[in-house]
Amino acid sequence: MYRLIIMLGLLSLLIFMGLLSSFNNTDNCYDLEINNIEHTSKGFINNKEIIKSLISKKQFQNLIKDNDFLEVEAKLKEIKSIENIDIYYNDKNELGIKFTDRTAIAYLKDSNTLIDINGNVFKKDQTRNDSLPSINGNITQQQILKILNVISAFKKDKFFKNKLKEIWFKNDHLYVRIKNLDLDVNLGNQNRINDKLKMLKAFYAYKSKKINHKNYKQIDLVYNNHLVAIKK
């Protein structure tokens, strides 16, 4: 009888320790380790530490405990600089996350924010963004769409890919400024942008060769297949 009591006691202890171990393993899998974060970013923004910090909060821990990953993803997507996100358990029963930050294509100077190719505006986490073209002035949503078309055309052009410096509207005309070209370029609008880039490329090459010493303050690409250079 005494041995039976001891065996039952040991069995109870083993069951308790097993349950405790199981609980601890389950609890540990809620922690998001750095090596279980798959993060894609092209610079200008980095949400890795923000995500890791949010996941540790009680609100998210409870959702994860209930396996409500869709709700966790929905709440994290409220961070405007995140493009997409996926939360899961990996083959080691550890919490894993895969997410992509939005790719900025321009800097909105007046609001000190960034914008992607689809018009999504989000805060930046770097002090400087010199490699991005600057969108100047108070821009409407309709104007944003036109500007994005122009920026996209510059990015696709091999010659002008990294040369767009500034872009703005003035009297309903769309203007740009190119790196290493000290003058304003009046595009008029975004129509026939590829043809306008061809003419601008020819003028850029002309100025680079310093064929003459004339200084210009502006060139107009408003007229069909014509470039008008205005002297200073």
C-alpha atoms as a PDB file:
ATOM      1  CA  MET A   1       0.000   0.000   0.000  1.00  0.00           C
ATOM      2  CA  TYR A   2       2.846   2.352   0.944  1.00  0.00           C
ATOM      3  CA  ARG A   3       4.630   1.644  -2.352  1.00  0.00           C
ATOM      4  CA  LEU A   4       1.405   2.282  -4.251  1.00  0.00           C
ATOM      5  CA  ILE A   5       1.015   5.680  -2.568  1.00  0.00           C
ATOM      6  CA  ILE A   6       4.637   6.549  -3.436  1.00  0.00           C
ATOM      7  CA  MET A   7       4.130   5.468  -7.069  1.00  0.00           C
ATOM      8  CA  LEU A   8       0.932   7.495  -7.340  1.00  0.00           C
ATOM      9  CA  GLY A   9       2.741  10.462  -5.823  1.00  0.00           C
ATOM     10  CA  LEU A  10       5.616  10.175  -8.285  1.00  0.00           C
ATOM     11  CA  LEU A  11       3.174   9.756 -11.175  1.00  0.00           C
ATOM     12  CA  SER A  12       1.277  12.867 -10.084  1.00  0.00           C
ATOM     13  CA  LEU A  13       4.553  14.797  -9.856  1.00  0.00           C
ATOM     14  CA  LEU A  14       5.589  13.705 -13.349  1.00  0.00           C
ATOM     15  CA  ILE A  15       2.204  14.689 -14.790  1.00  0.00           C
ATOM     16  CA  PHE A  16       2.415  18.083 -13.074  1.00  0.00           C
ATOM     17  CA  MET A  17       5.939  18.684 -14.366  1.00  0.00           C
ATOM     18  CA  GLY A  18       4.850  17.672 -17.854  1.00  0.00           C
ATOM     19  CA  LEU A  19       1.930  20.076 -17.777  1.00  0.00           C
ATOM     20  CA  LEU A  20       4.190  22.833 -16.440  1.00  0.00           C
ATOM     21  CA  SER A  21       6.752  22.191 -19.169  1.00  0.00           C
ATOM     22  CA  SER A  22       4.028  22.223 -21.803  1.00  0.00           C
ATOM     23  CA  PHE A  23       2.715  25.509 -20.466  1.00  0.00           C
ATOM     24  CA  ASN A  24       6.172  27.078 -20.483  1.00  0.00           C
ATOM     25  CA  ASN A  25       6.860  25.936 -24.050  1.00  0.00           C
ATOM     26  CA  THR A  26       3.540  27.332 -25.211  1.00  0.00           C
ATOM     27  CA  ASP A  27       4.224  30.594 -23.414  1.00  0.00           C
ATOM     28  CA  ASN A  28       7.715  30.872 -24.884  1.00  0.00           C
ATOM     29  CA  CYS A  29       6.457  30.508 -28.455  1.00  0.00           C
ATOM     30  CA  TYR A  30       4.659  33.868 -28.062  1.00  0.00           C
ATOM     31  CA  ASP A  31       8.029  35.603 -27.920  1.00  0.00           C
ATOM     32  CA  LEU A  32       9.175  36.909 -31.294  1.00  0.00           C
ATOM     33  CA  GLU A  33      12.857  36.170 -31.712  1.00  0.00           C
ATOM     34  CA  ILE A  34      14.912  38.254 -34.142  1.00  0.00           C
ATOM     35  CA  ASN A  35      15.890  35.171 -36.153  1.00  0.00           C
ATOM     36  CA  ASN A  36      12.188  34.420 -36.715  1.00  0.00           C
ATOM     37  CA  ILE A  37      11.556  37.814 -38.330  1.00  0.00           C
ATOM     38  CA  GLU A  38      11.717  37.855 -42.130  1.00  0.00           C
ATOM     39  CA  HIS A  39      11.834  41.520 -43.062  1.00  0.00           C
ATOM     40  CA  THR A  40      12.016  43.056 -46.532  1.00  0.00           C
ATOM     41  CA  SER A  41      12.848  46.734 -46.916  1.00  0.00           C
ATOM     42  CA  LYS A  42      14.498  48.914 -49.549  1.00  0.00           C
ATOM     43  CA  GLY A  43      15.511  51.571 -47.076  1.00  0.00           C
ATOM     44  CA  PHE A  44      14.060  54.851 -45.749  1.00  0.00           C
ATOM     45  CA  ILE A  45      11.904  52.926 -43.249  1.00  0.00           C
ATOM     46  CA  ASN A  46      12.494  50.018 -40.844  1.00  0.00           C
ATOM     47  CA  ASN A  47       9.637  48.590 -38.775  1.00  0.00           C
ATOM     48  CA  LYS A  48      11.455  45.555 -37.337  1.00  0.00           C
ATOM     49  CA  GLU A  49      11.925  46.875 -33.786  1.00  0.00           C
ATOM     50  CA  ILE A  50       8.441  48.413 -33.761  1.00  0.00           C
ATOM     51  CA  ILE A  51       6.862  45.073 -34.698  1.00  0.00           C
ATOM     52  CA  LYS A  52       8.894  43.182 -32.099  1.00  0.00           C
ATOM     53  CA  SER A  53       7.885  45.669 -29.394  1.00  0.00           C
ATOM     54  CA  LEU A  54       4.174  45.570 -30.272  1.00  0.00           C
ATOM     55  CA  ILE A  55       4.043  41.760 -30.340  1.00  0.00           C
ATOM     56  CA  SER A  56       5.262  41.672 -26.713  1.00  0.00           C
ATOM     57  CA  LYS A  57       2.315  43.763 -25.499  1.00  0.00           C
ATOM     58  CA  LYS A  58      -0.559  42.066 -23.643  1.00  0.00           C
ATOM     59  CA  GLN A  59      -3.162  42.925 -26.291  1.00  0.00           C
ATOM     60  CA  PHE A  60      -1.238  41.081 -28.993  1.00  0.00           C
ATOM     61  CA  GLN A  61      -0.144  38.271 -26.680  1.00  0.00           C
ATOM     62  CA  ASN A  62      -3.796  37.471 -25.908  1.00  0.00           C
ATOM     63  CA  LEU A  63      -4.708  37.443 -29.598  1.00  0.00           C
ATOM     64  CA  ILE A  64      -1.790  35.146 -30.388  1.00  0.00           C
ATOM     65  CA  LYS A  65      -2.758  32.850 -27.498  1.00  0.00           C
ATOM     66  CA  ASP A  66      -6.207  32.543 -29.112  1.00  0.00           C
ATOM     67  CA  ASN A  67      -4.559  31.889 -32.502  1.00  0.00           C
ATOM     68  CA  ASP A  68      -6.295  34.978 -33.878  1.00  0.00           C
ATOM     69  CA  PHE A  69      -3.449  35.793 -36.281  1.00  0.00           C
ATOM     70  CA  LEU A  70      -5.724  37.570 -38.764  1.00  0.00           C
ATOM     71  CA  GLU A  71      -6.664  40.127 -36.116  1.00  0.00           C
ATOM     72  CA  VAL A  72      -3.003  40.620 -35.189  1.00  0.00           C
ATOM     73  CA  GLU A  73      -2.125  41.176 -38.851  1.00  0.00           C
ATOM     74  CA  ALA A  74      -5.018  43.609 -39.282  1.00  0.00           C
ATOM     75  CA  LYS A  75      -3.892  45.690 -36.308  1.00  0.00           C
ATOM     76  CA  LEU A  76      -0.256  45.728 -37.424  1.00  0.00           C
ATOM     77  CA  LYS A  77      -1.343  46.799 -40.914  1.00  0.00           C
ATOM     78  CA  GLU A  78      -2.579  50.019 -39.283  1.00  0.00           C
ATOM     79  CA  ILE A  79       1.093  51.015 -39.398  1.00  0.00           C
ATOM     80  CA  LYS A  80       0.902  52.855 -42.716  1.00  0.00           C
ATOM     81  CA  SER A  81       4.498  52.122 -43.672  1.00  0.00           C
ATOM     82  CA  ILE A  82       3.846  48.344 -43.743  1.00  0.00           C
ATOM     83  CA  GLU A  83       2.850  46.961 -47.143  1.00  0.00           C
ATOM     84  CA  ASN A  84       1.996  43.385 -46.169  1.00  0.00           C
ATOM     85  CA  ILE A  85       2.446  41.066 -43.172  1.00  0.00           C
ATOM     86  CA  ASP A  86       2.051  37.379 -42.306  1.00  0.00           C
ATOM     87  CA  ILE A  87       2.191  35.808 -38.809  1.00  0.00           C
ATOM     88  CA  TYR A  88       2.522  32.054 -38.239  1.00  0.00           C
ATOM     89  CA  TYR A  89       4.043  29.260 -36.164  1.00  0.00           C
ATOM     90  CA  ASN A  90       7.146  27.708 -37.717  1.00  0.00           C
ATOM     91  CA  ASP A  91       8.113  24.024 -37.712  1.00  0.00           C
ATOM     92  CA  LYS A  92       9.618  24.454 -34.215  1.00  0.00           C
ATOM     93  CA  ASN A  93       6.283  25.766 -32.901  1.00  0.00           C
ATOM     94  CA  GLU A  94       7.877  29.219 -32.515  1.00  0.00           C
ATOM     95  CA  LEU A  95       6.166  32.434 -33.439  1.00  0.00           C
ATOM     96  CA  GLY A  96       7.355  33.755 -36.813  1.00  0.00           C
ATOM     97  CA  ILE A  97       6.557  36.822 -38.860  1.00  0.00           C
ATOM     98  CA  LYS A  98       7.161  37.887 -42.435  1.00  0.00           C
ATOM     99  CA  PHE A  99       6.532  41.472 -43.478  1.00  0.00           C
ATOM    100  CA  THR A 100       7.463  44.032 -46.103  1.00  0.00           C
ATOM    101  CA  ASP A 101       7.893  47.766 -45.594  1.00  0.00           C
ATOM    102  CA  ARG A 102       6.568  50.144 -48.201  1.00  0.00           C
ATOM    103  CA  THR A 103       9.089  51.435 -50.729  1.00  0.00           C
ATOM    104  CA  ALA A 104       9.275  55.212 -50.795  1.00  0.00           C
ATOM    105  CA  ILE A 105       9.678  56.860 -54.200  1.00  0.00           C
ATOM    106  CA  ALA A 106       9.458  60.513 -53.112  1.00  0.00           C
ATOM    107  CA  TYR A 107       9.643  62.846 -50.125  1.00  0.00           C
ATOM    108  CA  LEU A 108       6.706  65.178 -49.394  1.00  0.00           C
ATOM    109  CA  LYS A 109       8.524  68.245 -48.148  1.00  0.00           C
ATOM    110  CA  ASP A 110       5.617  70.197 -46.630  1.00  0.00           C
ATOM    111  CA  SER A 111       4.341  67.294 -44.503  1.00  0.00           C
ATOM    112  CA  ASN A 112       7.782  65.731 -43.884  1.00  0.00           C
ATOM    113  CA  THR A 113       6.467  62.328 -45.016  1.00  0.00           C
ATOM    114  CA  LEU A 114       7.192  59.700 -47.659  1.00  0.00           C
ATOM    115  CA  ILE A 115       5.007  58.360 -50.455  1.00  0.00           C
ATOM    116  CA  ASP A 116       5.055  55.097 -52.423  1.00  0.00           C
ATOM    117  CA  ILE A 117       4.137  54.443 -56.053  1.00  0.00           C
ATOM    118  CA  ASN A 118       0.488  53.759 -55.118  1.00  0.00           C
ATOM    119  CA  GLY A 119       0.066  57.092 -53.330  1.00  0.00           C
ATOM    120  CA  ASN A 120       0.297  55.733 -49.773  1.00  0.00           C
ATOM    121  CA  VAL A 121       1.721  58.408 -47.460  1.00  0.00           C
ATOM    122  CA  PHE A 122       3.631  57.402 -44.323  1.00  0.00           C
ATOM    123  CA  LYS A 123       6.058  58.813 -41.773  1.00  0.00           C
ATOM    124  CA  LYS A 124       9.783  58.514 -42.336  1.00  0.00           C
ATOM    125  CA  ASP A 125      12.221  57.328 -39.672  1.00  0.00           C
ATOM    126  CA  GLN A 126      15.392  58.801 -41.113  1.00  0.00           C
ATOM    127  CA  THR A 127      16.592  62.363 -40.725  1.00  0.00           C
ATOM    128  CA  ARG A 128      17.583  62.755 -44.374  1.00  0.00           C
ATOM    129  CA  ASN A 129      16.275  61.286 -47.618  1.00  0.00           C
ATOM    130  CA  ASP A 130      18.539  63.006 -50.135  1.00  0.00           C
ATOM    131  CA  SER A 131      18.336  60.246 -52.725  1.00  0.00           C
ATOM    132  CA  LEU A 132      14.573  60.678 -53.133  1.00  0.00           C
ATOM    133  CA  PRO A 133      12.986  63.375 -55.295  1.00  0.00           C
ATOM    134  CA  SER A 134      11.269  66.069 -53.258  1.00  0.00           C
ATOM    135  CA  ILE A 135       7.612  66.956 -53.879  1.00  0.00           C
ATOM    136  CA  ASN A 136       7.238  70.630 -52.965  1.00  0.00           C
ATOM    137  CA  GLY A 137       4.158  72.617 -52.014  1.00  0.00           C
ATOM    138  CA  ASN A 138       0.651  71.795 -50.859  1.00  0.00           C
ATOM    139  CA  ILE A 139      -0.365  69.053 -53.309  1.00  0.00           C
ATOM    140  CA  THR A 140      -3.933  67.814 -53.897  1.00  0.00           C
ATOM    141  CA  GLN A 141      -4.798  64.138 -54.363  1.00  0.00           C
ATOM    142  CA  GLN A 142      -5.448  64.697 -58.067  1.00  0.00           C
ATOM    143  CA  GLN A 143      -2.058  66.374 -58.466  1.00  0.00           C
ATOM    144  CA  ILE A 144      -0.392  63.512 -56.578  1.00  0.00           C
ATOM    145  CA  LEU A 145      -1.563  61.019 -59.207  1.00  0.00           C
ATOM    146  CA  LYS A 146      -0.065  63.157 -61.978  1.00  0.00           C
ATOM    147  CA  ILE A 147       3.191  63.546 -60.074  1.00  0.00           C
ATOM    148  CA  LEU A 148       3.452  59.809 -59.464  1.00  0.00           C
ATOM    149  CA  ASN A 149       3.115  59.173 -63.198  1.00  0.00           C
ATOM    150  CA  VAL A 150       6.003  61.534 -63.873  1.00  0.00           C
ATOM    151  CA  ILE A 151       8.188  60.056 -61.117  1.00  0.00           C
ATOM    152  CA  SER A 152       7.494  56.558 -62.436  1.00  0.00           C
ATOM    153  CA  ALA A 153       8.554  57.611 -65.956  1.00  0.00           C
ATOM    154  CA  PHE A 154      11.818  59.079 -64.617  1.00  0.00           C
ATOM    155  CA  LYS A 155      12.530  55.884 -62.641  1.00  0.00           C
ATOM    156  CA  LYS A 156      11.968  53.671 -65.702  1.00  0.00           C
ATOM    157  CA  ASP A 157      14.238  55.775 -67.904  1.00  0.00           C
ATOM    158  CA  LYS A 158      17.826  54.467 -67.641  1.00  0.00           C
ATOM    159  CA  PHE A 159      19.331  57.915 -68.181  1.00  0.00           C
ATOM    160  CA  PHE A 160      17.122  59.818 -65.704  1.00  0.00           C
ATOM    161  CA  LYS A 161      16.596  57.021 -63.147  1.00  0.00           C
ATOM    162  CA  ASN A 162      18.344  58.811 -60.254  1.00  0.00           C
ATOM    163  CA  LYS A 163      18.441  62.347 -61.623  1.00  0.00           C
ATOM    164  CA  LEU A 164      15.026  63.723 -60.611  1.00  0.00           C
ATOM    165  CA  LYS A 165      15.598  66.195 -57.774  1.00  0.00           C
ATOM    166  CA  GLU A 166      12.381  68.196 -57.235  1.00  0.00           C
ATOM    167  CA  ILE A 167       8.842  68.302 -58.586  1.00  0.00           C
ATOM    168  CA  TRP A 168       6.032  70.809 -57.973  1.00  0.00           C
ATOM    169  CA  PHE A 169       3.016  72.589 -59.447  1.00  0.00           C
ATOM    170  CA  LYS A 170       2.955  76.260 -60.385  1.00  0.00           C
ATOM    171  CA  ASN A 171      -0.060  77.881 -62.041  1.00  0.00           C
ATOM    172  CA  ASP A 172      -1.394  74.381 -62.831  1.00  0.00           C
ATOM    173  CA  HIS A 173       1.803  73.559 -64.712  1.00  0.00           C
ATOM    174  CA  LEU A 174       3.997  70.676 -63.607  1.00  0.00           C
ATOM    175  CA  TYR A 175       7.661  71.598 -63.010  1.00  0.00           C
ATOM    176  CA  VAL A 176      10.723  69.496 -62.261  1.00  0.00           C
ATOM    177  CA  ARG A 177      14.341  70.146 -61.446  1.00  0.00           C
ATOM    178  CA  ILE A 178      17.072  67.725 -62.510  1.00  0.00           C
ATOM    179  CA  LYS A 179      20.340  67.030 -60.665  1.00  0.00           C
ATOM    180  CA  ASN A 180      23.317  68.803 -62.247  1.00  0.00           C
ATOM    181  CA  LEU A 181      21.017  71.002 -64.339  1.00  0.00           C
ATOM    182  CA  ASP A 182      20.597  74.421 -62.726  1.00  0.00           C
ATOM    183  CA  LEU A 183      17.236  75.481 -64.173  1.00  0.00           C
ATOM    184  CA  ASP A 184      13.515  74.776 -63.944  1.00  0.00           C
ATOM    185  CA  VAL A 185      11.839  72.420 -66.407  1.00  0.00           C
ATOM    186  CA  ASN A 186       8.216  73.196 -67.250  1.00  0.00           C
ATOM    187  CA  LEU A 187       6.545  69.938 -68.309  1.00  0.00           C
ATOM    188  CA  GLY A 188       3.087  71.491 -68.476  1.00  0.00           C
ATOM    189  CA  ASN A 189       1.450  68.178 -67.576  1.00  0.00           C
ATOM    190  CA  GLN A 190       2.213  64.466 -67.482  1.00  0.00           C
ATOM    191  CA  ASN A 191       0.952  63.794 -71.015  1.00  0.00           C
ATOM    192  CA  ARG A 192       3.491  62.429 -73.539  1.00  0.00           C
ATOM    193  CA  ILE A 193       6.010  62.255 -70.711  1.00  0.00           C
ATOM    194  CA  ASN A 194       8.315  59.842 -72.556  1.00  0.00           C
ATOM    195  CA  ASP A 195       8.566  62.205 -75.548  1.00  0.00           C
ATOM    196  CA  LYS A 196       9.326  65.071 -73.189  1.00  0.00           C
ATOM    197  CA  LEU A 197      12.053  63.058 -71.516  1.00  0.00           C
ATOM    198  CA  LYS A 198      13.693  62.441 -74.887  1.00  0.00           C
ATOM    199  CA  MET A 199      13.858  66.188 -75.571  1.00  0.00           C
ATOM    200  CA  LEU A 200      15.056  66.868 -72.034  1.00  0.00           C
ATOM    201  CA  LYS A 201      17.762  64.217 -72.455  1.00  0.00           C
ATOM    202  CA  ALA A 202      19.016  65.908 -75.618  1.00  0.00           C
ATOM    203  CA  PHE A 203      19.170  69.282 -73.866  1.00  0.00           C
ATOM    204  CA  TYR A 204      20.927  67.738 -70.862  1.00  0.00           C
ATOM    205  CA  ALA A 205      23.597  66.249 -73.129  1.00  0.00           C
ATOM    206  CA  TYR A 206      23.924  69.594 -74.938  1.00  0.00           C
ATOM    207  CA  LYS A 207      24.513  71.462 -71.653  1.00  0.00           C
ATOM    208  CA  SER A 208      26.885  68.798 -70.334  1.00  0.00           C
ATOM    209  CA  LYS A 209      29.176  69.231 -73.336  1.00  0.00           C
ATOM    210  CA  LYS A 210      29.303  73.015 -72.698  1.00  0.00           C
ATOM    211  CA  ILE A 211      28.966  73.771 -76.381  1.00  0.00           C
ATOM    212  CA  ASN A 212      28.319  77.405 -75.503  1.00  0.00           C
ATOM    213  CA  HIS A 213      28.295  79.529 -72.378  1.00  0.00           C
ATOM    214  CA  LYS A 214      24.655  80.609 -72.495  1.00  0.00           C
ATOM    215  CA  ASN A 215      22.830  80.422 -69.176  1.00  0.00           C
ATOM    216  CA  TYR A 216      19.182  79.453 -69.043  1.00  0.00           C
ATOM    217  CA  LYS A 217      16.717  79.845 -66.201  1.00  0.00           C
ATOM    218  CA  GLN A 218      14.006  77.601 -67.590  1.00  0.00           C
ATOM    219  CA  ILE A 219      13.106  75.285 -70.430  1.00  0.00           C
ATOM    220  CA  ASP A 220       9.543  74.633 -71.559  1.00  0.00           C
ATOM    221  CA  LEU A 221       8.329  71.271 -72.827  1.00  0.00           C
ATOM    222  CA  VAL A 222       4.716  72.385 -72.976  1.00  0.00           C
ATOM    223  CA  TYR A 223       4.409  72.530 -76.762  1.00  0.00           C
ATOM    224  CA  ASN A 224       4.133  69.435 -78.952  1.00  0.00           C
ATOM    225  CA  ASN A 225       7.595  68.173 -79.912  1.00  0.00           C
ATOM    226  CA  HIS A 226       9.206  71.509 -79.096  1.00  0.00           C
ATOM    227  CA  LEU A 227      11.676  72.615 -76.475  1.00  0.00           C
ATOM    228  CA  VAL A 228      11.885  76.308 -75.617  1.00  0.00           C
ATOM    229  CA  ALA A 229      14.898  77.504 -73.647  1.00  0.00           C
ATOM    230  CA  ILE A 230      14.523  80.781 -71.721  1.00  0.00           C
ATOM    231  CA  LYS A 231      17.719  82.700 -71.013  1.00  0.00           C
ATOM    232  CA  LYS A 232      18.521  84.280 -67.658  1.00  0.00           C
END
